[in-house]
C-alpha atoms as a PDB file:
ATOM      1  CA  UNK A   1     -25.797 -83.221  57.184  1.00  0.00           C
ATOM      2  CA  UNK A   2     -25.241 -86.995  57.262  1.00  0.00           C
ATOM      3  CA  UNK A   3     -22.145 -88.637  58.782  1.00  0.00           C
ATOM      4  CA  UNK A   4     -21.108 -92.288  59.255  1.00  0.00           C
ATOM      5  CA  UNK A   5     -20.396 -93.445  62.822  1.00  0.00           C
ATOM      6  CA  UNK A   6     -19.767 -96.742  64.563  1.00  0.00           C
ATOM      7  CA  UNK A   7     -23.075 -97.438  66.322  1.00  0.00           C
ATOM      8  CA  UNK A   8     -21.977-100.604  68.123  1.00  0.00           C
ATOM      9  CA  UNK A   9     -19.610-103.468  67.297  1.00  0.00           C
ATOM     10  CA  UNK A  10     -20.138-104.516  63.660  1.00  0.00           C
ATOM     11  CA  UNK A  11     -22.805-101.835  63.050  1.00  0.00           C
ATOM     12  CA  UNK A  12     -22.535 -98.501  61.258  1.00  0.00           C
ATOM     13  CA  UNK A  13     -25.040 -95.691  61.690  1.00  0.00           C
ATOM     14  CA  UNK A  14     -25.666 -92.772  59.329  1.00  0.00           C
ATOM     15  CA  UNK A  15     -26.702 -89.871  61.562  1.00  0.00           C
ATOM     16  CA  UNK A  16     -27.451 -86.182  61.211  1.00  0.00           C
ATOM     17  CA  UNK A  17     -24.610 -83.978  62.467  1.00  0.00           C
ATOM     18  CA  UNK A  18     -23.917 -80.270  62.667  1.00  0.00           C
ATOM     19  CA  UNK A  19     -22.273 -78.675  59.654  1.00  0.00           C
ATOM     20  CA  UNK A  20     -18.588 -78.078  60.490  1.00  0.00           C
ATOM     21  CA  UNK A  21     -17.399 -74.538  61.220  1.00  0.00           C
ATOM     22  CA  UNK A  22     -14.971 -72.974  58.752  1.00  0.00           C
ATOM     23  CA  UNK A  23     -12.111 -71.087  60.407  1.00  0.00           C
ATOM     24  CA  UNK A  24      -9.066 -69.207  59.156  1.00  0.00           C
ATOM     25  CA  UNK A  25      -6.775 -71.505  57.188  1.00  0.00           C
ATOM     26  CA  UNK A  26      -9.493 -74.133  56.669  1.00  0.00           C
ATOM     27  CA  UNK A  27     -11.282 -75.482  53.611  1.00  0.00           C
ATOM     28  CA  UNK A  28     -14.894 -76.723  53.493  1.00  0.00           C
ATOM     29  CA  UNK A  29     -15.172 -79.705  51.143  1.00  0.00           C
ATOM     30  CA  UNK A  30     -18.168 -81.586  49.770  1.00  0.00           C
ATOM     31  CA  UNK A  31     -17.170 -85.253  49.875  1.00  0.00           C
ATOM     32  CA  UNK A  32     -17.481 -87.075  46.542  1.00  0.00           C
ATOM     33  CA  UNK A  33     -15.512 -90.226  47.411  1.00  0.00           C
ATOM     34  CA  UNK A  34     -13.830 -91.707  50.464  1.00  0.00           C
ATOM     35  CA  UNK A  35     -11.646 -94.769  50.835  1.00  0.00           C
ATOM     36  CA  UNK A  36     -12.359 -97.379  53.469  1.00  0.00           C
ATOM     37  CA  UNK A  37      -9.121 -98.726  54.894  1.00  0.00           C
ATOM     38  CA  UNK A  38      -8.076-101.285  57.461  1.00  0.00           C
ATOM     39  CA  UNK A  39      -8.276 -98.841  60.356  1.00  0.00           C
ATOM     40  CA  UNK A  40     -11.917 -98.075  59.474  1.00  0.00           C
ATOM     41  CA  UNK A  41     -12.688-101.796  59.390  1.00  0.00           C
ATOM     42  CA  UNK A  42     -10.923-102.211  62.738  1.00  0.00           C
ATOM     43  CA  UNK A  43     -13.147 -99.484  64.208  1.00  0.00           C
ATOM     44  CA  UNK A  44     -16.268-101.321  63.028  1.00  0.00           C
ATOM     45  CA  UNK A  45     -15.349-104.995  63.415  1.00  0.00           C
ATOM     46  CA  UNK A  46     -12.295-105.022  65.689  1.00  0.00           C
ATOM     47  CA  UNK A  47     -11.911-105.151  69.423  1.00  0.00           C
ATOM     48  CA  UNK A  48     -10.910-101.471  69.682  1.00  0.00           C
ATOM     49  CA  UNK A  49     -14.015 -99.977  68.075  1.00  0.00           C
ATOM     50  CA  UNK A  50     -16.122 -97.749  70.291  1.00  0.00           C
ATOM     51  CA  UNK A  51     -19.611 -96.348  69.728  1.00  0.00           C
ATOM     52  CA  UNK A  52     -19.569 -92.904  68.082  1.00  0.00           C
ATOM     53  CA  UNK A  53     -16.181 -93.411  66.378  1.00  0.00           C
ATOM     54  CA  UNK A  54     -16.229 -91.530  63.087  1.00  0.00           C
ATOM     55  CA  UNK A  55     -15.229 -93.212  59.857  1.00  0.00           C
ATOM     56  CA  UNK A  56     -13.267 -92.262  56.768  1.00  0.00           C
ATOM     57  CA  UNK A  57      -9.960 -90.440  56.529  1.00  0.00           C
ATOM     58  CA  UNK A  58      -9.132 -90.751  52.807  1.00  0.00           C
ATOM     59  CA  UNK A  59     -11.709 -88.449  51.153  1.00  0.00           C
ATOM     60  CA  UNK A  60     -11.754 -86.428  47.949  1.00  0.00           C
ATOM     61  CA  UNK A  61     -14.246 -83.824  46.844  1.00  0.00           C
ATOM     62  CA  UNK A  62     -15.056 -80.302  45.701  1.00  0.00           C
ATOM     63  CA  UNK A  63     -14.155 -77.124  47.597  1.00  0.00           C
ATOM     64  CA  UNK A  64     -17.325 -75.371  48.783  1.00  0.00           C
ATOM     65  CA  UNK A  65     -15.639 -72.514  50.655  1.00  0.00           C
ATOM     66  CA  UNK A  66     -12.271 -71.386  51.986  1.00  0.00           C
ATOM     67  CA  UNK A  67     -11.393 -69.612  55.201  1.00  0.00           C
ATOM     68  CA  UNK A  68      -9.377 -66.443  55.460  1.00  0.00           C
ATOM     69  CA  UNK A  69      -5.659 -66.912  54.842  1.00  0.00           C
ATOM     70  CA  UNK A  70      -6.320 -69.572  52.168  1.00  0.00           C
ATOM     71  CA  UNK A  71      -5.116 -68.442  48.747  1.00  0.00           C
ATOM     72  CA  UNK A  72      -4.085 -71.638  46.956  1.00  0.00           C
ATOM     73  CA  UNK A  73      -7.622 -73.082  46.761  1.00  0.00           C
ATOM     74  CA  UNK A  74     -10.931 -71.682  45.558  1.00  0.00           C
ATOM     75  CA  UNK A  75     -14.577 -72.705  45.387  1.00  0.00           C
ATOM     76  CA  UNK A  76     -15.067 -75.481  42.825  1.00  0.00           C
ATOM     77  CA  UNK A  77     -11.527 -76.928  43.017  1.00  0.00           C
ATOM     78  CA  UNK A  78     -11.313 -80.722  42.969  1.00  0.00           C
ATOM     79  CA  UNK A  79      -9.130 -81.838  45.884  1.00  0.00           C
ATOM     80  CA  UNK A  80      -7.790 -84.841  47.767  1.00  0.00           C
ATOM     81  CA  UNK A  81      -7.367 -84.792  51.527  1.00  0.00           C
ATOM     82  CA  UNK A  82      -4.251 -86.406  52.960  1.00  0.00           C
ATOM     83  CA  UNK A  83      -4.848 -88.084  56.293  1.00  0.00           C
ATOM     84  CA  UNK A  84      -1.195 -87.876  57.351  1.00  0.00           C
ATOM     85  CA  UNK A  85       0.891 -84.814  56.496  1.00  0.00           C
ATOM     86  CA  UNK A  86       4.178 -83.900  58.206  1.00  0.00           C
ATOM     87  CA  UNK A  87       5.115 -80.294  58.993  1.00  0.00           C
ATOM     88  CA  UNK A  88       8.390 -80.427  56.989  1.00  0.00           C
ATOM     89  CA  UNK A  89       9.940 -78.038  59.521  1.00  0.00           C
ATOM     90  CA  UNK A  90      10.688 -80.022  62.699  1.00  0.00           C
ATOM     91  CA  UNK A  91      13.887 -81.916  63.510  1.00  0.00           C
ATOM     92  CA  UNK A  92      12.471 -85.214  62.248  1.00  0.00           C
ATOM     93  CA  UNK A  93      11.249 -83.776  58.944  1.00  0.00           C
ATOM     94  CA  UNK A  94      14.537 -81.978  58.306  1.00  0.00           C
ATOM     95  CA  UNK A  95      16.315 -85.314  58.767  1.00  0.00           C
ATOM     96  CA  UNK A  96      13.976 -87.142  56.344  1.00  0.00           C
ATOM     97  CA  UNK A  97      12.130 -88.994  59.089  1.00  0.00           C
ATOM     98  CA  UNK A  98       8.670 -87.512  58.444  1.00  0.00           C
ATOM     99  CA  UNK A  99       6.759 -90.392  60.040  1.00  0.00           C
ATOM    100  CA  UNK A 100       8.131 -89.327  63.442  1.00  0.00           C
ATOM    101  CA  UNK A 101       6.731 -85.780  63.070  1.00  0.00           C
ATOM    102  CA  UNK A 102       4.044 -84.958  65.680  1.00  0.00           C
ATOM    103  CA  UNK A 103       1.901 -83.246  63.037  1.00  0.00           C
ATOM    104  CA  UNK A 104       2.020 -86.410  60.891  1.00  0.00           C
ATOM    105  CA  UNK A 105      -0.237 -88.211  63.356  1.00  0.00           C
ATOM    106  CA  UNK A 106      -2.925 -85.515  63.485  1.00  0.00           C
ATOM    107  CA  UNK A 107      -6.129 -86.360  61.658  1.00  0.00           C
ATOM    108  CA  UNK A 108      -7.755 -83.030  61.062  1.00  0.00           C
ATOM    109  CA  UNK A 109     -11.051 -83.912  59.411  1.00  0.00           C
ATOM    110  CA  UNK A 110     -14.141 -82.422  61.018  1.00  0.00           C
ATOM    111  CA  UNK A 111     -16.336 -84.317  61.449  1.00  0.00           C
ATOM    112  CA  UNK A 112     -14.828 -87.127  59.272  1.00  0.00           C
ATOM    113  CA  UNK A 113     -14.257 -88.287  55.693  1.00  0.00           C
ATOM    114  CA  UNK A 114     -17.506 -90.257  55.502  1.00  0.00           C
ATOM    115  CA  UNK A 115     -19.547 -87.102  55.918  1.00  0.00           C
ATOM    116  CA  UNK A 116     -21.417 -85.093  53.299  1.00  0.00           C
ATOM    117  CA  UNK A 117     -19.172 -82.114  54.034  1.00  0.00           C
ATOM    118  CA  UNK A 118     -16.035 -81.743  56.106  1.00  0.00           C
ATOM    119  CA  UNK A 119     -13.575 -79.037  57.133  1.00  0.00           C
ATOM    120  CA  UNK A 120      -9.844 -79.578  56.976  1.00  0.00           C
ATOM    121  CA  UNK A 121      -6.774 -77.304  57.228  1.00  0.00           C
ATOM    122  CA  UNK A 122      -5.497 -76.182  53.815  1.00  0.00           C
ATOM    123  CA  UNK A 123      -2.090 -77.760  54.511  1.00  0.00           C
ATOM    124  CA  UNK A 124      -3.834 -81.158  54.522  1.00  0.00           C
ATOM    125  CA  UNK A 125      -5.188 -80.800  50.956  1.00  0.00           C
ATOM    126  CA  UNK A 126      -3.800 -81.240  47.415  1.00  0.00           C
ATOM    127  CA  UNK A 127      -5.263 -80.376  44.019  1.00  0.00           C
END
């Protein structure tokens, strides 16, 4: 499977990677499109980019498989993956301050959005 990585400053490499492992609560998605945002550009061209950094966190695609405990999605569904999703249950979320939620800052794409296929928790996905 092919995945986009930062090879060195200002250079991207498309490399073969292992297919991600589907676990309970996860969805395996075939990427059809992925946005490139400022943080991706910073990883490639900025001073904070490091070799092997993975790119893409705004992907959309087709569900290939679902893990156990996933009932709201099925094979063939068209989905969008959110790169920041709050838990809606913690103190911050209950007080309408979702951007302070610890879960909000998790990026749960494996290996990344600019990959032929990726695994993500079902709570991170929308039809």
